[in-house]
């Protein structure tokens, strides 16, 4: 089964046992938005720089694209304005995207949706695994790279997203900090790949921090 980088992040961000999130929603939303942008960059559809997202291939050469990726690509093209990657991460990385991806994974039999209530009052939803094979493949691929194997571009970007969201050592507790740093700094990669990894790492951190500050400000003034 083929999944997007954002869906890979989402699977690794939830406990395999009880389906609970391993990081806060603010950080996870930013990671998902960053993962969507990163995959478009990996696919050659856009290029990322500190100041703007550049459209390189709006049509994608006629290749069929995942519906979520295509929707984001359409938004970027139709917006037509010069915007920073962090702006787009904040725009697309939200609870609606998270819910759509979780629901899609449940619809395809990877996850199960379990609704409940905390203290019998507050509604809550958990997403335990129904079919662990998809996450097992992702974990094996990431663990191999963390263990010293040469990373491919997609896996390196995934690790960079996990690192930016502070999910890397929660999903892979035994991972070497030095190895993660080596991968996310992109010294092993070509210039374009290294630039994509660096930009995604930076914009996820910026978006998560900005969202957290915004939420704290709203709470203090509300």
C-alpha atoms as a PDB file:
ATOM      1  CA  UNK A   1       0.000   0.000   0.000  1.00  0.00           C
ATOM      2  CA  UNK A   2       1.319   3.430  -0.968  1.00  0.00           C
ATOM      3  CA  UNK A   3       1.107   6.260   1.578  1.00  0.00           C
ATOM      4  CA  UNK A   4       2.291   9.843   1.542  1.00  0.00           C
ATOM      5  CA  UNK A   5       5.093  11.215   3.705  1.00  0.00           C
ATOM      6  CA  UNK A   6       2.452  13.027   5.770  1.00  0.00           C
ATOM      7  CA  UNK A   7       0.674   9.731   6.409  1.00  0.00           C
ATOM      8  CA  UNK A   8       3.991   8.133   7.380  1.00  0.00           C
ATOM      9  CA  UNK A   9       4.501  10.933   9.923  1.00  0.00           C
ATOM     10  CA  UNK A  10       0.970  10.435  11.191  1.00  0.00           C
ATOM     11  CA  UNK A  11       1.427   6.704  11.734  1.00  0.00           C
ATOM     12  CA  UNK A  12       4.693   7.233  13.601  1.00  0.00           C
ATOM     13  CA  UNK A  13       3.099  10.000  15.683  1.00  0.00           C
ATOM     14  CA  UNK A  14       0.581   7.613  17.236  1.00  0.00           C
ATOM     15  CA  UNK A  15       1.239   4.849  19.731  1.00  0.00           C
ATOM     16  CA  UNK A  16       1.013   1.415  18.161  1.00  0.00           C
ATOM     17  CA  UNK A  17      -0.679   0.085  21.305  1.00  0.00           C
ATOM     18  CA  UNK A  18      -3.450   2.553  22.118  1.00  0.00           C
ATOM     19  CA  UNK A  19      -3.462   5.008  19.204  1.00  0.00           C
ATOM     20  CA  UNK A  20      -2.688   8.069  21.311  1.00  0.00           C
ATOM     21  CA  UNK A  21      -0.601  10.935  19.917  1.00  0.00           C
ATOM     22  CA  UNK A  22       3.038  11.037  20.983  1.00  0.00           C
ATOM     23  CA  UNK A  23       3.352  14.811  20.469  1.00  0.00           C
ATOM     24  CA  UNK A  24       1.009  17.777  20.758  1.00  0.00           C
ATOM     25  CA  UNK A  25      -1.452  18.665  18.029  1.00  0.00           C
ATOM     26  CA  UNK A  26       0.297  21.979  17.285  1.00  0.00           C
ATOM     27  CA  UNK A  27       3.594  20.251  16.526  1.00  0.00           C
ATOM     28  CA  UNK A  28       1.891  17.442  14.616  1.00  0.00           C
ATOM     29  CA  UNK A  29      -0.137  19.810  12.439  1.00  0.00           C
ATOM     30  CA  UNK A  30       3.019  21.727  11.509  1.00  0.00           C
ATOM     31  CA  UNK A  31       4.801  18.456  10.729  1.00  0.00           C
ATOM     32  CA  UNK A  32       1.983  17.349   8.426  1.00  0.00           C
ATOM     33  CA  UNK A  33       1.962  20.663   6.579  1.00  0.00           C
ATOM     34  CA  UNK A  34       5.719  20.458   6.194  1.00  0.00           C
ATOM     35  CA  UNK A  35       5.510  16.865   4.993  1.00  0.00           C
ATOM     36  CA  UNK A  36       3.044  17.818   2.255  1.00  0.00           C
ATOM     37  CA  UNK A  37       5.314  20.621   1.012  1.00  0.00           C
ATOM     38  CA  UNK A  38       8.352  18.361   1.259  1.00  0.00           C
ATOM     39  CA  UNK A  39       6.741  15.648  -0.856  1.00  0.00           C
ATOM     40  CA  UNK A  40       5.821  18.164  -3.550  1.00  0.00           C
ATOM     41  CA  UNK A  41       9.457  19.270  -3.527  1.00  0.00           C
ATOM     42  CA  UNK A  42      10.724  15.667  -3.679  1.00  0.00           C
ATOM     43  CA  UNK A  43       8.407  15.062  -6.640  1.00  0.00           C
ATOM     44  CA  UNK A  44       9.838  18.103  -8.420  1.00  0.00           C
ATOM     45  CA  UNK A  45       6.568  20.041  -8.381  1.00  0.00           C
ATOM     46  CA  UNK A  46       7.882  22.928  -6.258  1.00  0.00           C
ATOM     47  CA  UNK A  47      11.186  24.280  -4.973  1.00  0.00           C
ATOM     48  CA  UNK A  48      11.654  25.707  -1.484  1.00  0.00           C
ATOM     49  CA  UNK A  49      13.740  28.657  -0.408  1.00  0.00           C
ATOM     50  CA  UNK A  50      13.753  30.756   2.730  1.00  0.00           C
ATOM     51  CA  UNK A  51      11.747  33.495   1.044  1.00  0.00           C
ATOM     52  CA  UNK A  52       9.295  31.660  -1.176  1.00  0.00           C
ATOM     53  CA  UNK A  53       7.754  28.540  -2.619  1.00  0.00           C
ATOM     54  CA  UNK A  54       8.468  28.333  -6.349  1.00  0.00           C
ATOM     55  CA  UNK A  55       6.232  26.356  -8.712  1.00  0.00           C
ATOM     56  CA  UNK A  56       8.389  24.225 -11.007  1.00  0.00           C
ATOM     57  CA  UNK A  57       5.906  21.818 -12.556  1.00  0.00           C
ATOM     58  CA  UNK A  58       2.262  22.731 -12.028  1.00  0.00           C
ATOM     59  CA  UNK A  59       0.915  19.861 -14.121  1.00  0.00           C
ATOM     60  CA  UNK A  60       3.281  17.190 -12.851  1.00  0.00           C
ATOM     61  CA  UNK A  61       3.970  15.902 -16.334  1.00  0.00           C
ATOM     62  CA  UNK A  62       0.526  14.324 -16.408  1.00  0.00           C
ATOM     63  CA  UNK A  63       1.394  11.901 -13.606  1.00  0.00           C
ATOM     64  CA  UNK A  64      -1.392  10.994 -11.209  1.00  0.00           C
ATOM     65  CA  UNK A  65      -0.843  12.628  -7.822  1.00  0.00           C
ATOM     66  CA  UNK A  66      -2.281  11.832  -4.420  1.00  0.00           C
ATOM     67  CA  UNK A  67      -5.487  13.813  -3.854  1.00  0.00           C
ATOM     68  CA  UNK A  68      -4.160  15.732  -0.835  1.00  0.00           C
ATOM     69  CA  UNK A  69      -0.945  16.629  -2.636  1.00  0.00           C
ATOM     70  CA  UNK A  70      -2.864  17.652  -5.735  1.00  0.00           C
ATOM     71  CA  UNK A  71      -5.223  19.841  -3.709  1.00  0.00           C
ATOM     72  CA  UNK A  72      -2.264  21.638  -2.115  1.00  0.00           C
ATOM     73  CA  UNK A  73      -0.548  22.045  -5.465  1.00  0.00           C
ATOM     74  CA  UNK A  74      -3.719  23.569  -6.899  1.00  0.00           C
ATOM     75  CA  UNK A  75      -3.953  26.013  -3.989  1.00  0.00           C
ATOM     76  CA  UNK A  76      -0.350  27.131  -4.474  1.00  0.00           C
ATOM     77  CA  UNK A  77      -0.798  27.640  -8.221  1.00  0.00           C
ATOM     78  CA  UNK A  78      -4.139  29.430  -7.914  1.00  0.00           C
ATOM     79  CA  UNK A  79      -2.882  31.651  -5.080  1.00  0.00           C
ATOM     80  CA  UNK A  80      -0.246  33.018  -7.443  1.00  0.00           C
ATOM     81  CA  UNK A  81       1.526  35.029  -4.743  1.00  0.00           C
ATOM     82  CA  UNK A  82       5.093  34.886  -3.517  1.00  0.00           C
ATOM     83  CA  UNK A  83       4.790  33.306  -0.093  1.00  0.00           C
ATOM     84  CA  UNK A  84       7.282  31.802   2.327  1.00  0.00           C
ATOM     85  CA  UNK A  85       7.247  28.043   2.997  1.00  0.00           C
ATOM     86  CA  UNK A  86       6.356  28.756   6.646  1.00  0.00           C
ATOM     87  CA  UNK A  87       3.211  30.562   5.485  1.00  0.00           C
ATOM     88  CA  UNK A  88       2.086  27.522   3.519  1.00  0.00           C
ATOM     89  CA  UNK A  89       2.916  25.105   6.339  1.00  0.00           C
ATOM     90  CA  UNK A  90       0.740  27.162   8.687  1.00  0.00           C
ATOM     91  CA  UNK A  91      -2.011  27.379   6.067  1.00  0.00           C
ATOM     92  CA  UNK A  92      -2.286  23.690   5.217  1.00  0.00           C
ATOM     93  CA  UNK A  93      -0.996  22.090   8.429  1.00  0.00           C
ATOM     94  CA  UNK A  94      -4.125  22.085  10.566  1.00  0.00           C
ATOM     95  CA  UNK A  95      -6.550  19.767  12.339  1.00  0.00           C
ATOM     96  CA  UNK A  96      -8.650  19.382   9.188  1.00  0.00           C
ATOM     97  CA  UNK A  97      -5.709  17.919   7.273  1.00  0.00           C
ATOM     98  CA  UNK A  98      -4.876  15.652  10.217  1.00  0.00           C
ATOM     99  CA  UNK A  99      -8.448  14.362  10.442  1.00  0.00           C
ATOM    100  CA  UNK A 100      -8.706  13.780   6.687  1.00  0.00           C
ATOM    101  CA  UNK A 101      -5.510  11.739   6.664  1.00  0.00           C
ATOM    102  CA  UNK A 102      -6.463   9.746   9.765  1.00  0.00           C
ATOM    103  CA  UNK A 103      -9.886   9.009   8.297  1.00  0.00           C
ATOM    104  CA  UNK A 104      -8.314   7.926   5.020  1.00  0.00           C
ATOM    105  CA  UNK A 105      -5.984   5.542   6.846  1.00  0.00           C
ATOM    106  CA  UNK A 106      -8.980   4.141   8.725  1.00  0.00           C
ATOM    107  CA  UNK A 107     -10.978   3.771   5.504  1.00  0.00           C
ATOM    108  CA  UNK A 108      -8.154   1.742   3.942  1.00  0.00           C
ATOM    109  CA  UNK A 109      -7.944  -0.559   6.968  1.00  0.00           C
ATOM    110  CA  UNK A 110      -4.614   0.674   8.358  1.00  0.00           C
ATOM    111  CA  UNK A 111      -6.119   2.310  11.462  1.00  0.00           C
ATOM    112  CA  UNK A 112      -9.267   1.902  13.510  1.00  0.00           C
ATOM    113  CA  UNK A 113     -11.281   4.876  14.738  1.00  0.00           C
ATOM    114  CA  UNK A 114     -12.386   4.557  18.358  1.00  0.00           C
ATOM    115  CA  UNK A 115     -14.583   7.244  19.867  1.00  0.00           C
ATOM    116  CA  UNK A 116     -14.982   7.715  23.601  1.00  0.00           C
ATOM    117  CA  UNK A 117     -15.351  10.289  26.357  1.00  0.00           C
ATOM    118  CA  UNK A 118     -13.012  11.551  29.042  1.00  0.00           C
ATOM    119  CA  UNK A 119     -14.704  11.625  32.460  1.00  0.00           C
ATOM    120  CA  UNK A 120     -17.859  10.672  30.614  1.00  0.00           C
ATOM    121  CA  UNK A 121     -18.156  14.215  29.249  1.00  0.00           C
ATOM    122  CA  UNK A 122     -15.410  15.293  26.848  1.00  0.00           C
ATOM    123  CA  UNK A 123     -15.376  13.479  23.474  1.00  0.00           C
ATOM    124  CA  UNK A 124     -12.110  11.914  22.379  1.00  0.00           C
ATOM    125  CA  UNK A 125     -10.964   9.821  19.441  1.00  0.00           C
ATOM    126  CA  UNK A 126      -8.143   7.291  19.335  1.00  0.00           C
ATOM    127  CA  UNK A 127      -6.630   5.699  16.231  1.00  0.00           C
ATOM    128  CA  UNK A 128      -5.102   2.285  17.084  1.00  0.00           C
ATOM    129  CA  UNK A 129      -3.649   0.186  14.295  1.00  0.00           C
ATOM    130  CA  UNK A 130      -5.781  -2.348  12.496  1.00  0.00           C
ATOM    131  CA  UNK A 131      -3.060  -3.477  10.065  1.00  0.00           C
ATOM    132  CA  UNK A 132       0.497  -2.974  11.288  1.00  0.00           C
ATOM    133  CA  UNK A 133       2.217  -3.939   8.035  1.00  0.00           C
ATOM    134  CA  UNK A 134       2.305  -0.402   6.612  1.00  0.00           C
ATOM    135  CA  UNK A 135       3.930   1.125   9.687  1.00  0.00           C
ATOM    136  CA  UNK A 136       6.243  -1.880  10.021  1.00  0.00           C
ATOM    137  CA  UNK A 137       7.644  -1.175   6.549  1.00  0.00           C
ATOM    138  CA  UNK A 138       8.107   2.505   7.380  1.00  0.00           C
ATOM    139  CA  UNK A 139       9.838   1.690  10.660  1.00  0.00           C
ATOM    140  CA  UNK A 140      12.144  -0.844   9.013  1.00  0.00           C
ATOM    141  CA  UNK A 141      13.153   1.664   6.336  1.00  0.00           C
ATOM    142  CA  UNK A 142      13.792   4.484   8.816  1.00  0.00           C
ATOM    143  CA  UNK A 143      15.576   2.204  11.297  1.00  0.00           C
ATOM    144  CA  UNK A 144      17.890   0.988   8.529  1.00  0.00           C
ATOM    145  CA  UNK A 145      18.898   4.551   7.673  1.00  0.00           C
ATOM    146  CA  UNK A 146      19.285   5.510  11.336  1.00  0.00           C
ATOM    147  CA  UNK A 147      21.477   2.450  11.695  1.00  0.00           C
ATOM    148  CA  UNK A 148      23.857   3.649   8.999  1.00  0.00           C
ATOM    149  CA  UNK A 149      22.365   2.741   5.624  1.00  0.00           C
ATOM    150  CA  UNK A 150      22.514   5.333   2.860  1.00  0.00           C
ATOM    151  CA  UNK A 151      19.214   7.246   2.900  1.00  0.00           C
ATOM    152  CA  UNK A 152      17.046   7.827  -0.121  1.00  0.00           C
ATOM    153  CA  UNK A 153      15.603  11.302  -0.520  1.00  0.00           C
ATOM    154  CA  UNK A 154      12.133  10.398   0.703  1.00  0.00           C
ATOM    155  CA  UNK A 155      13.330   8.676   3.882  1.00  0.00           C
ATOM    156  CA  UNK A 156      15.737  11.511   4.669  1.00  0.00           C
ATOM    157  CA  UNK A 157      12.935  14.042   4.339  1.00  0.00           C
ATOM    158  CA  UNK A 158      10.725  11.922   6.605  1.00  0.00           C
ATOM    159  CA  UNK A 159      13.467  11.828   9.260  1.00  0.00           C
ATOM    160  CA  UNK A 160      13.921  15.596   8.930  1.00  0.00           C
ATOM    161  CA  UNK A 161      10.194  16.147   9.514  1.00  0.00           C
ATOM    162  CA  UNK A 162      10.227  13.842  12.546  1.00  0.00           C
ATOM    163  CA  UNK A 163      13.228  15.695  13.936  1.00  0.00           C
ATOM    164  CA  UNK A 164      11.714  19.148  13.428  1.00  0.00           C
ATOM    165  CA  UNK A 165       8.548  18.035  15.233  1.00  0.00           C
ATOM    166  CA  UNK A 166      10.604  16.496  18.079  1.00  0.00           C
ATOM    167  CA  UNK A 167       9.095  13.140  17.203  1.00  0.00           C
ATOM    168  CA  UNK A 168      12.264  11.377  16.047  1.00  0.00           C
ATOM    169  CA  UNK A 169      13.443  10.000  19.391  1.00  0.00           C
ATOM    170  CA  UNK A 170       9.894   9.377  20.609  1.00  0.00           C
ATOM    171  CA  UNK A 171       9.155   7.172  17.626  1.00  0.00           C
ATOM    172  CA  UNK A 172      12.689   5.717  17.646  1.00  0.00           C
ATOM    173  CA  UNK A 173      13.931   5.967  21.272  1.00  0.00           C
ATOM    174  CA  UNK A 174      17.296   4.352  20.587  1.00  0.00           C
ATOM    175  CA  UNK A 175      18.188   6.548  17.630  1.00  0.00           C
ATOM    176  CA  UNK A 176      21.591   8.240  17.655  1.00  0.00           C
ATOM    177  CA  UNK A 177      21.425  12.036  17.918  1.00  0.00           C
ATOM    178  CA  UNK A 178      24.613  12.250  15.866  1.00  0.00           C
ATOM    179  CA  UNK A 179      23.155  10.126  13.067  1.00  0.00           C
ATOM    180  CA  UNK A 180      19.950  12.168  12.995  1.00  0.00           C
ATOM    181  CA  UNK A 181      21.996  15.360  12.799  1.00  0.00           C
ATOM    182  CA  UNK A 182      24.062  13.924   9.954  1.00  0.00           C
ATOM    183  CA  UNK A 183      20.927  13.080   7.970  1.00  0.00           C
ATOM    184  CA  UNK A 184      19.092  16.343   8.627  1.00  0.00           C
ATOM    185  CA  UNK A 185      22.126  18.457   7.764  1.00  0.00           C
ATOM    186  CA  UNK A 186      22.132  16.793   4.354  1.00  0.00           C
ATOM    187  CA  UNK A 187      25.910  16.479   3.941  1.00  0.00           C
ATOM    188  CA  UNK A 188      25.384  13.116   2.216  1.00  0.00           C
ATOM    189  CA  UNK A 189      22.991  14.568  -0.375  1.00  0.00           C
ATOM    190  CA  UNK A 190      23.148  16.748  -3.449  1.00  0.00           C
ATOM    191  CA  UNK A 191      22.557  20.488  -3.138  1.00  0.00           C
ATOM    192  CA  UNK A 192      18.847  20.406  -4.073  1.00  0.00           C
ATOM    193  CA  UNK A 193      18.023  17.633  -1.612  1.00  0.00           C
ATOM    194  CA  UNK A 194      20.065  19.224   1.181  1.00  0.00           C
ATOM    195  CA  UNK A 195      18.286  22.528   0.594  1.00  0.00           C
ATOM    196  CA  UNK A 196      14.848  20.890   0.745  1.00  0.00           C
ATOM    197  CA  UNK A 197      15.708  19.110   4.000  1.00  0.00           C
ATOM    198  CA  UNK A 198      17.109  22.293   5.576  1.00  0.00           C
ATOM    199  CA  UNK A 199      14.100  24.383   4.577  1.00  0.00           C
ATOM    200  CA  UNK A 200      11.548  21.843   5.790  1.00  0.00           C
ATOM    201  CA  UNK A 201      13.383  21.439   9.086  1.00  0.00           C
ATOM    202  CA  UNK A 202      13.346  25.211   9.616  1.00  0.00           C
ATOM    203  CA  UNK A 203       9.776  25.962   8.523  1.00  0.00           C
ATOM    204  CA  UNK A 204       8.193  23.232  10.657  1.00  0.00           C
ATOM    205  CA  UNK A 205       9.944  24.615  13.728  1.00  0.00           C
ATOM    206  CA  UNK A 206       8.841  28.154  12.838  1.00  0.00           C
ATOM    207  CA  UNK A 207       5.240  27.120  12.156  1.00  0.00           C
ATOM    208  CA  UNK A 208       4.947  25.059  15.344  1.00  0.00           C
ATOM    209  CA  UNK A 209       6.414  27.863  17.462  1.00  0.00           C
ATOM    210  CA  UNK A 210       4.206  30.520  15.869  1.00  0.00           C
ATOM    211  CA  UNK A 211       1.079  28.408  16.332  1.00  0.00           C
ATOM    212  CA  UNK A 212       1.946  27.725  19.976  1.00  0.00           C
ATOM    213  CA  UNK A 213       2.514  31.444  20.650  1.00  0.00           C
ATOM    214  CA  UNK A 214      -0.758  32.304  18.901  1.00  0.00           C
ATOM    215  CA  UNK A 215      -2.678  29.761  20.963  1.00  0.00           C
ATOM    216  CA  UNK A 216      -1.119  30.986  24.200  1.00  0.00           C
ATOM    217  CA  UNK A 217      -1.925  34.613  23.329  1.00  0.00           C
ATOM    218  CA  UNK A 218      -5.543  33.766  22.500  1.00  0.00           C
ATOM    219  CA  UNK A 219      -5.919  31.868  25.769  1.00  0.00           C
ATOM    220  CA  UNK A 220      -4.506  34.739  27.818  1.00  0.00           C
ATOM    221  CA  UNK A 221      -6.735  37.355  26.162  1.00  0.00           C
ATOM    222  CA  UNK A 222      -9.876  35.243  25.835  1.00  0.00           C
END
